[in-house]
Amino acid sequence: MTPRPRELVRYWRHPGLPDVELLKARFVRHSFDRHIHDTYTIAVIESGIEEYAYRGGTRRAGPGQIAVVEPHEVHTGHAATPAGWRYRVLYPGVDAVTGAAAELGLATPPGFRVEPFDDPDTAEALRAAHRAAERGDRLSASSLTRAALVRLLRRHARDPGAPPASASSRAAATARDILHERLVDPPRLEELAAAVGAAPFGLLRAFRAAYGLPPHAYLNQVRVLRARRLLLDGIAPGEVAATVGFADQSHLARHFKRHTGVPPGAFRRGAAADPPPLSALSAGAPQ
């Protein structure tokens, strides 16, 4: 029997654009739970097939295709074949993407259709930008990344068309704001519902409809996003865990790896240095 390829991952900060992070990985067994990012996620599949749940459906992205996930949209990710998938991912901040869209005269914040794109020219532009960032070439990487982002927006951006807010969606939004403010000491569901003038079950249903997750799961996603910011600033994982409200470092590690594919310590090391050597993810890595 032919052995499955090893899982490999590299995560680092863009050398020329501080609001962009990058991932290069091959995943076989790893499966991303339902999670969100506070950035755009722009992935180019290099081999294999990734299957992911996004906006009410199951999507499949294969070699050469581009998959885009918008900020704060719940999604998953796993291999669709035994050999897994290999890809390069850019995580540009919302301000960077919105600013580029505004310069092009596009609707902001820009949206994208849910299905992966078949666009070889744009896929190659994104790969070239990613490779330049991997080499640490600040001028080339920043220039190519901006050019690739503009190309992607010109060809694939759409008007997000925000619908009018209902009373239940306003209650969910207020509850979300409370969770962001009380990251370390969140209220019980009943207290949260009372604070926004809703019944507990009604708020639970409205919150899931608005954000794709129940409040407790959404809270853990926000904690991971906040942890990413702190790790990027060089703060040790143990201190980060306490700061964002996880019970301990192992609790942080478990949620963080499900979200990003890498343990907090590896993420911190990769973000603090030049692009590190590609390293294998062993079965014994922290969960």
C-alpha atoms as a PDB file:
ATOM      1  CA  MET A   1       0.000   0.000   0.000  1.00  0.00           C
ATOM      2  CA  THR A   2       1.331   3.429  -0.945  1.00  0.00           C
ATOM      3  CA  PRO A   3       1.699   5.583   2.191  1.00  0.00           C
ATOM      4  CA  ARG A   4      -0.187   8.856   2.360  1.00  0.00           C
ATOM      5  CA  PRO A   5       1.956  11.981   1.944  1.00  0.00           C
ATOM      6  CA  ARG A   6       2.971  13.868   5.072  1.00  0.00           C
ATOM      7  CA  GLU A   7       1.050  16.934   6.163  1.00  0.00           C
ATOM      8  CA  LEU A   8       3.218  20.037   5.765  1.00  0.00           C
ATOM      9  CA  VAL A   9       2.504  23.600   6.783  1.00  0.00           C
ATOM     10  CA  ARG A  10       4.162  27.004   6.753  1.00  0.00           C
ATOM     11  CA  TYR A  11       2.522  30.152   8.128  1.00  0.00           C
ATOM     12  CA  TRP A  12       4.108  33.596   8.009  1.00  0.00           C
ATOM     13  CA  ARG A  13       3.593  37.310   7.726  1.00  0.00           C
ATOM     14  CA  HIS A  14       3.882  39.091   4.372  1.00  0.00           C
ATOM     15  CA  PRO A  15       7.313  40.774   4.200  1.00  0.00           C
ATOM     16  CA  GLY A  16       6.009  43.909   2.463  1.00  0.00           C
ATOM     17  CA  LEU A  17       2.361  44.226   3.535  1.00  0.00           C
ATOM     18  CA  PRO A  18       1.825  44.020   7.310  1.00  0.00           C
ATOM     19  CA  ASP A  19      -1.934  43.439   6.965  1.00  0.00           C
ATOM     20  CA  VAL A  20      -1.490  40.261   4.905  1.00  0.00           C
ATOM     21  CA  GLU A  21      -0.667  36.793   6.256  1.00  0.00           C
ATOM     22  CA  LEU A  22       0.194  33.709   4.216  1.00  0.00           C
ATOM     23  CA  LEU A  23      -0.140  29.961   4.427  1.00  0.00           C
ATOM     24  CA  LYS A  24       1.448  27.225   2.331  1.00  0.00           C
ATOM     25  CA  ALA A  25       0.319  23.734   3.212  1.00  0.00           C
ATOM     26  CA  ARG A  26      -0.466  20.191   2.246  1.00  0.00           C
ATOM     27  CA  PHE A  27      -3.236  18.641   4.306  1.00  0.00           C
ATOM     28  CA  VAL A  28      -4.290  15.004   4.171  1.00  0.00           C
ATOM     29  CA  ARG A  29      -6.000  14.016   7.417  1.00  0.00           C
ATOM     30  CA  HIS A  30      -6.409  17.428   8.977  1.00  0.00           C
ATOM     31  CA  SER A  31      -9.972  18.738   8.943  1.00  0.00           C
ATOM     32  CA  PHE A  32     -10.909  22.330   9.732  1.00  0.00           C
ATOM     33  CA  ASP A  33     -13.938  22.636  11.989  1.00  0.00           C
ATOM     34  CA  ARG A  34     -16.541  25.347  11.394  1.00  0.00           C
ATOM     35  CA  HIS A  35     -14.659  28.603  11.900  1.00  0.00           C
ATOM     36  CA  ILE A  36     -14.313  32.213  10.756  1.00  0.00           C
ATOM     37  CA  HIS A  37     -11.520  34.635   9.848  1.00  0.00           C
ATOM     38  CA  ASP A  38     -11.493  38.390  10.309  1.00  0.00           C
ATOM     39  CA  THR A  39      -9.678  38.692   6.972  1.00  0.00           C
ATOM     40  CA  TYR A  40     -10.500  37.633   3.437  1.00  0.00           C
ATOM     41  CA  THR A  41      -9.254  34.116   2.591  1.00  0.00           C
ATOM     42  CA  ILE A  42      -7.927  33.706  -0.949  1.00  0.00           C
ATOM     43  CA  ALA A  43      -6.719  30.184  -1.717  1.00  0.00           C
ATOM     44  CA  VAL A  44      -5.137  28.769  -4.875  1.00  0.00           C
ATOM     45  CA  ILE A  45      -5.259  24.977  -5.064  1.00  0.00           C
ATOM     46  CA  GLU A  46      -2.025  23.519  -6.431  1.00  0.00           C
ATOM     47  CA  SER A  47      -2.903  19.818  -6.314  1.00  0.00           C
ATOM     48  CA  GLY A  48      -5.612  17.544  -4.941  1.00  0.00           C
ATOM     49  CA  ILE A  49      -9.126  18.655  -4.038  1.00  0.00           C
ATOM     50  CA  GLU A  50     -10.343  20.570  -0.980  1.00  0.00           C
ATOM     51  CA  GLU A  51     -13.978  20.220   0.028  1.00  0.00           C
ATOM     52  CA  TYR A  52     -15.482  22.861   2.264  1.00  0.00           C
ATOM     53  CA  ALA A  53     -18.864  23.933   3.598  1.00  0.00           C
ATOM     54  CA  TYR A  54     -19.630  27.583   2.903  1.00  0.00           C
ATOM     55  CA  ARG A  55     -22.824  29.618   2.727  1.00  0.00           C
ATOM     56  CA  GLY A  56     -25.262  26.753   2.877  1.00  0.00           C
ATOM     57  CA  GLY A  57     -23.561  24.388   0.464  1.00  0.00           C
ATOM     58  CA  THR A  58     -20.604  22.085  -0.054  1.00  0.00           C
ATOM     59  CA  ARG A  59     -17.935  23.412  -2.436  1.00  0.00           C
ATOM     60  CA  ARG A  60     -15.040  21.583  -4.087  1.00  0.00           C
ATOM     61  CA  ALA A  61     -11.895  23.322  -5.317  1.00  0.00           C
ATOM     62  CA  GLY A  62      -9.410  21.487  -7.514  1.00  0.00           C
ATOM     63  CA  PRO A  63      -6.030  22.184  -9.139  1.00  0.00           C
ATOM     64  CA  GLY A  64      -5.682  25.714 -10.491  1.00  0.00           C
ATOM     65  CA  GLN A  65      -8.942  26.945  -8.971  1.00  0.00           C
ATOM     66  CA  ILE A  66      -9.301  29.935  -6.650  1.00  0.00           C
ATOM     67  CA  ALA A  67     -11.527  29.750  -3.564  1.00  0.00           C
ATOM     68  CA  VAL A  68     -12.471  32.970  -1.762  1.00  0.00           C
ATOM     69  CA  VAL A  69     -14.106  33.147   1.666  1.00  0.00           C
ATOM     70  CA  GLU A  70     -15.290  36.502   2.961  1.00  0.00           C
ATOM     71  CA  PRO A  71     -14.557  37.783   6.492  1.00  0.00           C
ATOM     72  CA  HIS A  72     -16.645  36.410   9.376  1.00  0.00           C
ATOM     73  CA  GLU A  73     -18.256  33.770   7.137  1.00  0.00           C
ATOM     74  CA  VAL A  74     -18.410  30.316   8.727  1.00  0.00           C
ATOM     75  CA  HIS A  75     -16.683  27.599   6.698  1.00  0.00           C
ATOM     76  CA  THR A  76     -14.895  24.270   7.045  1.00  0.00           C
ATOM     77  CA  GLY A  77     -12.224  22.428   5.041  1.00  0.00           C
ATOM     78  CA  HIS A  78     -11.072  18.863   4.472  1.00  0.00           C
ATOM     79  CA  ALA A  79      -9.565  16.609   1.825  1.00  0.00           C
ATOM     80  CA  ALA A  80     -11.936  15.283  -0.837  1.00  0.00           C
ATOM     81  CA  THR A  81      -9.486  12.542  -1.914  1.00  0.00           C
ATOM     82  CA  PRO A  82      -7.156  10.197   0.026  1.00  0.00           C
ATOM     83  CA  ALA A  83      -4.110  12.134  -1.215  1.00  0.00           C
ATOM     84  CA  GLY A  84      -5.348  15.380   0.375  1.00  0.00           C
ATOM     85  CA  TRP A  85      -4.746  18.792  -1.147  1.00  0.00           C
ATOM     86  CA  ARG A  86      -1.920  21.316  -1.449  1.00  0.00           C
ATOM     87  CA  TYR A  87      -2.534  25.066  -1.644  1.00  0.00           C
ATOM     88  CA  ARG A  88      -1.269  28.588  -1.142  1.00  0.00           C
ATOM     89  CA  VAL A  89      -3.447  31.026   0.819  1.00  0.00           C
ATOM     90  CA  LEU A  90      -3.373  34.794   1.247  1.00  0.00           C
ATOM     91  CA  TYR A  91      -5.216  36.414   4.164  1.00  0.00           C
ATOM     92  CA  PRO A  92      -5.481  40.139   3.315  1.00  0.00           C
ATOM     93  CA  GLY A  93      -7.062  42.426   5.891  1.00  0.00           C
ATOM     94  CA  VAL A  94     -10.480  43.937   5.236  1.00  0.00           C
ATOM     95  CA  ASP A  95      -9.072  47.464   4.933  1.00  0.00           C
ATOM     96  CA  ALA A  96      -6.635  46.388   2.226  1.00  0.00           C
ATOM     97  CA  VAL A  97      -9.309  44.703   0.116  1.00  0.00           C
ATOM     98  CA  THR A  98     -11.924  47.396   0.684  1.00  0.00           C
ATOM     99  CA  GLY A  99      -9.407  50.143  -0.132  1.00  0.00           C
ATOM    100  CA  ALA A 100      -8.436  48.456  -3.400  1.00  0.00           C
ATOM    101  CA  ALA A 101     -12.100  47.973  -4.332  1.00  0.00           C
ATOM    102  CA  ALA A 102     -12.866  51.643  -3.638  1.00  0.00           C
ATOM    103  CA  GLU A 103      -9.982  52.738  -5.892  1.00  0.00           C
ATOM    104  CA  LEU A 104     -11.477  50.601  -8.668  1.00  0.00           C
ATOM    105  CA  GLY A 105     -14.929  52.114  -8.141  1.00  0.00           C
ATOM    106  CA  LEU A 106     -16.389  48.812  -6.904  1.00  0.00           C
ATOM    107  CA  ALA A 107     -18.970  48.297  -4.175  1.00  0.00           C
ATOM    108  CA  THR A 108     -17.540  48.036  -0.682  1.00  0.00           C
ATOM    109  CA  PRO A 109     -17.013  45.879   1.175  1.00  0.00           C
ATOM    110  CA  PRO A 110     -16.480  43.714  -1.893  1.00  0.00           C
ATOM    111  CA  GLY A 111     -18.160  40.334  -2.094  1.00  0.00           C
ATOM    112  CA  PHE A 112     -17.386  37.268  -4.210  1.00  0.00           C
ATOM    113  CA  ARG A 113     -19.490  34.408  -5.518  1.00  0.00           C
ATOM    114  CA  VAL A 114     -19.421  31.226  -3.483  1.00  0.00           C
ATOM    115  CA  GLU A 115     -18.175  28.742  -6.099  1.00  0.00           C
ATOM    116  CA  PRO A 116     -14.425  28.443  -6.823  1.00  0.00           C
ATOM    117  CA  PHE A 117     -13.172  30.413  -9.842  1.00  0.00           C
ATOM    118  CA  ASP A 118     -11.625  28.898 -12.966  1.00  0.00           C
ATOM    119  CA  ASP A 119      -9.272  31.732 -13.903  1.00  0.00           C
ATOM    120  CA  PRO A 120      -5.737  30.515 -14.765  1.00  0.00           C
ATOM    121  CA  ASP A 121      -4.281  34.021 -15.272  1.00  0.00           C
ATOM    122  CA  THR A 122      -5.455  35.289 -11.886  1.00  0.00           C
ATOM    123  CA  ALA A 123      -4.442  32.030 -10.185  1.00  0.00           C
ATOM    124  CA  GLU A 124      -0.929  32.393 -11.598  1.00  0.00           C
ATOM    125  CA  ALA A 125      -0.775  36.058 -10.499  1.00  0.00           C
ATOM    126  CA  LEU A 126      -1.701  35.019  -6.954  1.00  0.00           C
ATOM    127  CA  ARG A 127       0.853  32.196  -6.978  1.00  0.00           C
ATOM    128  CA  ALA A 128       3.588  34.555  -8.225  1.00  0.00           C
ATOM    129  CA  ALA A 129       2.791  37.023  -5.432  1.00  0.00           C
ATOM    130  CA  HIS A 130       2.814  34.211  -2.870  1.00  0.00           C
ATOM    131  CA  ARG A 131       6.167  32.856  -4.098  1.00  0.00           C
ATOM    132  CA  ALA A 132       7.735  36.341  -3.929  1.00  0.00           C
ATOM    133  CA  ALA A 133       6.505  36.684  -0.343  1.00  0.00           C
ATOM    134  CA  GLU A 134       7.946  33.260   0.440  1.00  0.00           C
ATOM    135  CA  ARG A 135      11.358  34.417  -0.818  1.00  0.00           C
ATOM    136  CA  GLY A 136      11.138  37.486   1.419  1.00  0.00           C
ATOM    137  CA  ASP A 137      11.427  39.905  -1.534  1.00  0.00           C
ATOM    138  CA  ARG A 138       9.588  42.885  -0.039  1.00  0.00           C
ATOM    139  CA  LEU A 139       9.339  45.053  -3.163  1.00  0.00           C
ATOM    140  CA  SER A 140       8.345  42.265  -5.549  1.00  0.00           C
ATOM    141  CA  ALA A 141       6.020  40.650  -3.038  1.00  0.00           C
ATOM    142  CA  SER A 142       4.154  43.853  -2.211  1.00  0.00           C
ATOM    143  CA  SER A 143       3.886  44.900  -5.868  1.00  0.00           C
ATOM    144  CA  LEU A 144       2.759  41.496  -7.114  1.00  0.00           C
ATOM    145  CA  THR A 145       0.298  41.032  -4.240  1.00  0.00           C
ATOM    146  CA  ARG A 146      -1.402  44.362  -4.896  1.00  0.00           C
ATOM    147  CA  ALA A 147      -1.548  43.656  -8.640  1.00  0.00           C
ATOM    148  CA  ALA A 148      -3.008  40.166  -8.065  1.00  0.00           C
ATOM    149  CA  LEU A 149      -5.602  41.545  -5.650  1.00  0.00           C
ATOM    150  CA  VAL A 150      -6.679  44.186  -8.163  1.00  0.00           C
ATOM    151  CA  ARG A 151      -6.969  41.521 -10.890  1.00  0.00           C
ATOM    152  CA  LEU A 152      -9.087  39.322  -8.612  1.00  0.00           C
ATOM    153  CA  LEU A 153     -11.380  42.225  -7.729  1.00  0.00           C
ATOM    154  CA  ARG A 154     -11.809  43.366 -11.329  1.00  0.00           C
ATOM    155  CA  ARG A 155     -12.725  39.902 -12.532  1.00  0.00           C
ATOM    156  CA  HIS A 156     -14.694  38.431  -9.657  1.00  0.00           C
ATOM    157  CA  ALA A 157     -15.956  41.038  -7.152  1.00  0.00           C
ATOM    158  CA  ARG A 158     -19.701  41.488  -6.824  1.00  0.00           C
ATOM    159  CA  ASP A 159     -22.030  43.847  -4.978  1.00  0.00           C
ATOM    160  CA  PRO A 160     -22.651  42.369  -1.495  1.00  0.00           C
ATOM    161  CA  GLY A 161     -26.178  43.860  -1.448  1.00  0.00           C
ATOM    162  CA  ALA A 162     -26.860  44.023   2.313  1.00  0.00           C
ATOM    163  CA  PRO A 163     -30.554  43.372   3.150  1.00  0.00           C
ATOM    164  CA  PRO A 164     -32.406  45.569   5.669  1.00  0.00           C
ATOM    165  CA  ALA A 165     -31.913  44.450   9.256  1.00  0.00           C
ATOM    166  CA  SER A 166     -34.830  42.811  11.107  1.00  0.00           C
ATOM    167  CA  ALA A 167     -35.502  43.089  14.845  1.00  0.00           C
ATOM    168  CA  SER A 168     -34.050  39.612  15.417  1.00  0.00           C
ATOM    169  CA  SER A 169     -30.911  40.355  13.401  1.00  0.00           C
ATOM    170  CA  ARG A 170     -30.433  43.600  15.344  1.00  0.00           C
ATOM    171  CA  ALA A 171     -30.708  41.634  18.607  1.00  0.00           C
ATOM    172  CA  ALA A 172     -28.129  39.152  17.303  1.00  0.00           C
ATOM    173  CA  ALA A 173     -25.790  41.991  16.325  1.00  0.00           C
ATOM    174  CA  THR A 174     -26.085  43.564  19.766  1.00  0.00           C
ATOM    175  CA  ALA A 175     -25.438  40.194  21.406  1.00  0.00           C
ATOM    176  CA  ARG A 176     -22.361  39.786  19.215  1.00  0.00           C
ATOM    177  CA  ASP A 177     -21.049  43.165  20.365  1.00  0.00           C
ATOM    178  CA  ILE A 178     -21.509  42.114  23.991  1.00  0.00           C
ATOM    179  CA  LEU A 179     -19.540  38.916  23.381  1.00  0.00           C
ATOM    180  CA  HIS A 180     -16.702  40.915  21.840  1.00  0.00           C
ATOM    181  CA  GLU A 181     -16.645  43.191  24.910  1.00  0.00           C
ATOM    182  CA  ARG A 182     -16.867  40.334  27.431  1.00  0.00           C
ATOM    183  CA  LEU A 183     -14.432  37.899  25.886  1.00  0.00           C
ATOM    184  CA  VAL A 184     -12.975  36.709  29.189  1.00  0.00           C
ATOM    185  CA  ASP A 185     -16.171  36.788  31.270  1.00  0.00           C
ATOM    186  CA  PRO A 186     -19.118  36.134  28.917  1.00  0.00           C
ATOM    187  CA  PRO A 187     -22.709  36.171  30.234  1.00  0.00           C
ATOM    188  CA  ARG A 188     -24.973  33.145  30.387  1.00  0.00           C
ATOM    189  CA  LEU A 189     -27.378  32.768  27.442  1.00  0.00           C
ATOM    190  CA  GLU A 190     -30.285  33.941  29.596  1.00  0.00           C
ATOM    191  CA  GLU A 191     -28.353  37.064  30.645  1.00  0.00           C
ATOM    192  CA  LEU A 192     -27.330  37.746  27.072  1.00  0.00           C
ATOM    193  CA  ALA A 193     -30.920  37.409  25.847  1.00  0.00           C
ATOM    194  CA  ALA A 194     -32.203  39.709  28.592  1.00  0.00           C
ATOM    195  CA  ALA A 195     -29.576  42.310  27.709  1.00  0.00           C
ATOM    196  CA  VAL A 196     -30.819  42.497  24.100  1.00  0.00           C
ATOM    197  CA  GLY A 197     -34.520  42.158  24.868  1.00  0.00           C
ATOM    198  CA  ALA A 198     -35.002  38.694  23.383  1.00  0.00           C
ATOM    199  CA  ALA A 199     -36.056  35.244  24.544  1.00  0.00           C
ATOM    200  CA  PRO A 200     -33.132  32.812  24.971  1.00  0.00           C
ATOM    201  CA  PHE A 201     -34.268  30.360  22.287  1.00  0.00           C
ATOM    202  CA  GLY A 202     -35.211  33.189  19.919  1.00  0.00           C
ATOM    203  CA  LEU A 203     -31.773  34.770  20.335  1.00  0.00           C
ATOM    204  CA  LEU A 204     -30.075  31.405  19.820  1.00  0.00           C
ATOM    205  CA  ARG A 205     -31.960  30.906  16.557  1.00  0.00           C
ATOM    206  CA  ALA A 206     -31.372  34.487  15.341  1.00  0.00           C
ATOM    207  CA  PHE A 207     -27.684  34.386  16.237  1.00  0.00           C
ATOM    208  CA  ARG A 208     -27.110  31.134  14.369  1.00  0.00           C
ATOM    209  CA  ALA A 209     -29.008  32.491  11.355  1.00  0.00           C
ATOM    210  CA  ALA A 210     -26.932  35.685  11.344  1.00  0.00           C
ATOM    211  CA  TYR A 211     -23.463  34.277  12.068  1.00  0.00           C
ATOM    212  CA  GLY A 212     -23.626  30.554  11.310  1.00  0.00           C
ATOM    213  CA  LEU A 213     -22.730  29.501  14.862  1.00  0.00           C
ATOM    214  CA  PRO A 214     -24.403  29.565  18.298  1.00  0.00           C
ATOM    215  CA  PRO A 215     -23.071  32.251  20.665  1.00  0.00           C
ATOM    216  CA  HIS A 216     -20.699  29.977  22.632  1.00  0.00           C
ATOM    217  CA  ALA A 217     -19.040  28.634  19.461  1.00  0.00           C
ATOM    218  CA  TYR A 218     -18.836  32.128  17.979  1.00  0.00           C
ATOM    219  CA  LEU A 219     -17.169  33.344  21.173  1.00  0.00           C
ATOM    220  CA  ASN A 220     -14.416  30.747  20.800  1.00  0.00           C
ATOM    221  CA  GLN A 221     -13.863  31.881  17.211  1.00  0.00           C
ATOM    222  CA  VAL A 222     -13.428  35.479  18.366  1.00  0.00           C
ATOM    223  CA  ARG A 223     -11.016  34.309  21.056  1.00  0.00           C
ATOM    224  CA  VAL A 224      -8.912  32.541  18.411  1.00  0.00           C
ATOM    225  CA  LEU A 225      -8.919  35.636  16.179  1.00  0.00           C
ATOM    226  CA  ARG A 226      -7.810  37.783  19.124  1.00  0.00           C
ATOM    227  CA  ALA A 227      -5.170  35.176  20.002  1.00  0.00           C
ATOM    228  CA  ARG A 228      -3.779  35.385  16.464  1.00  0.00           C
ATOM    229  CA  ARG A 229      -3.269  39.140  16.870  1.00  0.00           C
ATOM    230  CA  LEU A 230      -1.460  38.673  20.182  1.00  0.00           C
ATOM    231  CA  LEU A 231       0.728  35.857  18.867  1.00  0.00           C
ATOM    232  CA  LEU A 232       1.667  38.039  15.905  1.00  0.00           C
ATOM    233  CA  ASP A 233       2.829  40.610  18.453  1.00  0.00           C
ATOM    234  CA  GLY A 234       5.147  37.984  19.941  1.00  0.00           C
ATOM    235  CA  ILE A 235       3.235  37.232  23.152  1.00  0.00           C
ATOM    236  CA  ALA A 236       3.739  33.716  24.541  1.00  0.00           C
ATOM    237  CA  PRO A 237       0.857  31.223  24.089  1.00  0.00           C
ATOM    238  CA  GLY A 238       0.341  30.741  27.845  1.00  0.00           C
ATOM    239  CA  GLU A 239      -0.178  34.456  28.383  1.00  0.00           C
ATOM    240  CA  VAL A 240      -2.372  34.687  25.286  1.00  0.00           C
ATOM    241  CA  ALA A 241      -4.645  31.913  26.543  1.00  0.00           C
ATOM    242  CA  ALA A 242      -5.387  33.788  29.763  1.00  0.00           C
ATOM    243  CA  THR A 243      -5.793  37.128  27.999  1.00  0.00           C
ATOM    244  CA  VAL A 244      -8.454  35.938  25.561  1.00  0.00           C
ATOM    245  CA  GLY A 245     -10.400  33.797  28.028  1.00  0.00           C
ATOM    246  CA  PHE A 246      -9.348  30.200  27.347  1.00  0.00           C
ATOM    247  CA  ALA A 247      -9.046  27.995  30.420  1.00  0.00           C
ATOM    248  CA  ASP A 248      -5.372  27.217  29.777  1.00  0.00           C
ATOM    249  CA  GLN A 249      -2.759  26.855  27.047  1.00  0.00           C
ATOM    250  CA  SER A 250      -3.963  23.404  25.956  1.00  0.00           C
ATOM    251  CA  HIS A 251      -7.509  24.770  25.558  1.00  0.00           C
ATOM    252  CA  LEU A 252      -6.138  27.535  23.328  1.00  0.00           C
ATOM    253  CA  ALA A 253      -4.007  25.064  21.347  1.00  0.00           C
ATOM    254  CA  ARG A 254      -6.951  22.759  20.675  1.00  0.00           C
ATOM    255  CA  HIS A 255      -9.156  25.508  19.233  1.00  0.00           C
ATOM    256  CA  PHE A 256      -6.298  27.324  17.511  1.00  0.00           C
ATOM    257  CA  LYS A 257      -5.137  24.318  15.510  1.00  0.00           C
ATOM    258  CA  ARG A 258      -8.678  23.467  14.434  1.00  0.00           C
ATOM    259  CA  HIS A 259      -8.986  27.026  13.160  1.00  0.00           C
ATOM    260  CA  THR A 260      -5.604  27.584  11.489  1.00  0.00           C
ATOM    261  CA  GLY A 261      -4.104  24.134  10.954  1.00  0.00           C
ATOM    262  CA  VAL A 262      -1.023  24.988  13.048  1.00  0.00           C
ATOM    263  CA  PRO A 263      -0.378  25.045  16.825  1.00  0.00           C
ATOM    264  CA  PRO A 264      -0.040  28.486  18.498  1.00  0.00           C
ATOM    265  CA  GLY A 265       3.694  28.122  19.128  1.00  0.00           C
ATOM    266  CA  ALA A 266       4.446  27.301  15.482  1.00  0.00           C
ATOM    267  CA  PHE A 267       2.250  30.171  14.346  1.00  0.00           C
ATOM    268  CA  ARG A 268       4.091  32.595  16.654  1.00  0.00           C
ATOM    269  CA  ARG A 269       7.514  31.418  15.474  1.00  0.00           C
ATOM    270  CA  GLY A 270       6.546  31.664  11.823  1.00  0.00           C
ATOM    271  CA  ALA A 271       5.085  35.150  12.213  1.00  0.00           C
ATOM    272  CA  ALA A 272       8.125  36.435  14.100  1.00  0.00           C
ATOM    273  CA  ALA A 273      10.765  35.417  11.571  1.00  0.00           C
ATOM    274  CA  ASP A 274      11.529  35.168   7.890  1.00  0.00           C
ATOM    275  CA  PRO A 275       9.616  32.355   6.154  1.00  0.00           C
ATOM    276  CA  PRO A 276      10.647  29.258   8.150  1.00  0.00           C
ATOM    277  CA  PRO A 277      11.563  25.863   6.690  1.00  0.00           C
ATOM    278  CA  LEU A 278       8.630  23.701   5.703  1.00  0.00           C
ATOM    279  CA  SER A 279       7.939  21.433   8.655  1.00  0.00           C
ATOM    280  CA  ALA A 280       5.909  18.279   9.052  1.00  0.00           C
ATOM    281  CA  LEU A 281       2.815  18.226  11.213  1.00  0.00           C
ATOM    282  CA  SER A 282       3.159  15.115  13.338  1.00  0.00           C
ATOM    283  CA  ALA A 283       0.268  13.248  14.884  1.00  0.00           C
ATOM    284  CA  GLY A 284       1.658  14.243  18.263  1.00  0.00           C
ATOM    285  CA  ALA A 285       1.428  17.967  17.646  1.00  0.00           C
ATOM    286  CA  PRO A 286      -0.517  19.898  20.289  1.00  0.00           C
ATOM    287  CA  GLN A 287      -4.263  19.853  19.697  1.00  0.00           C
END
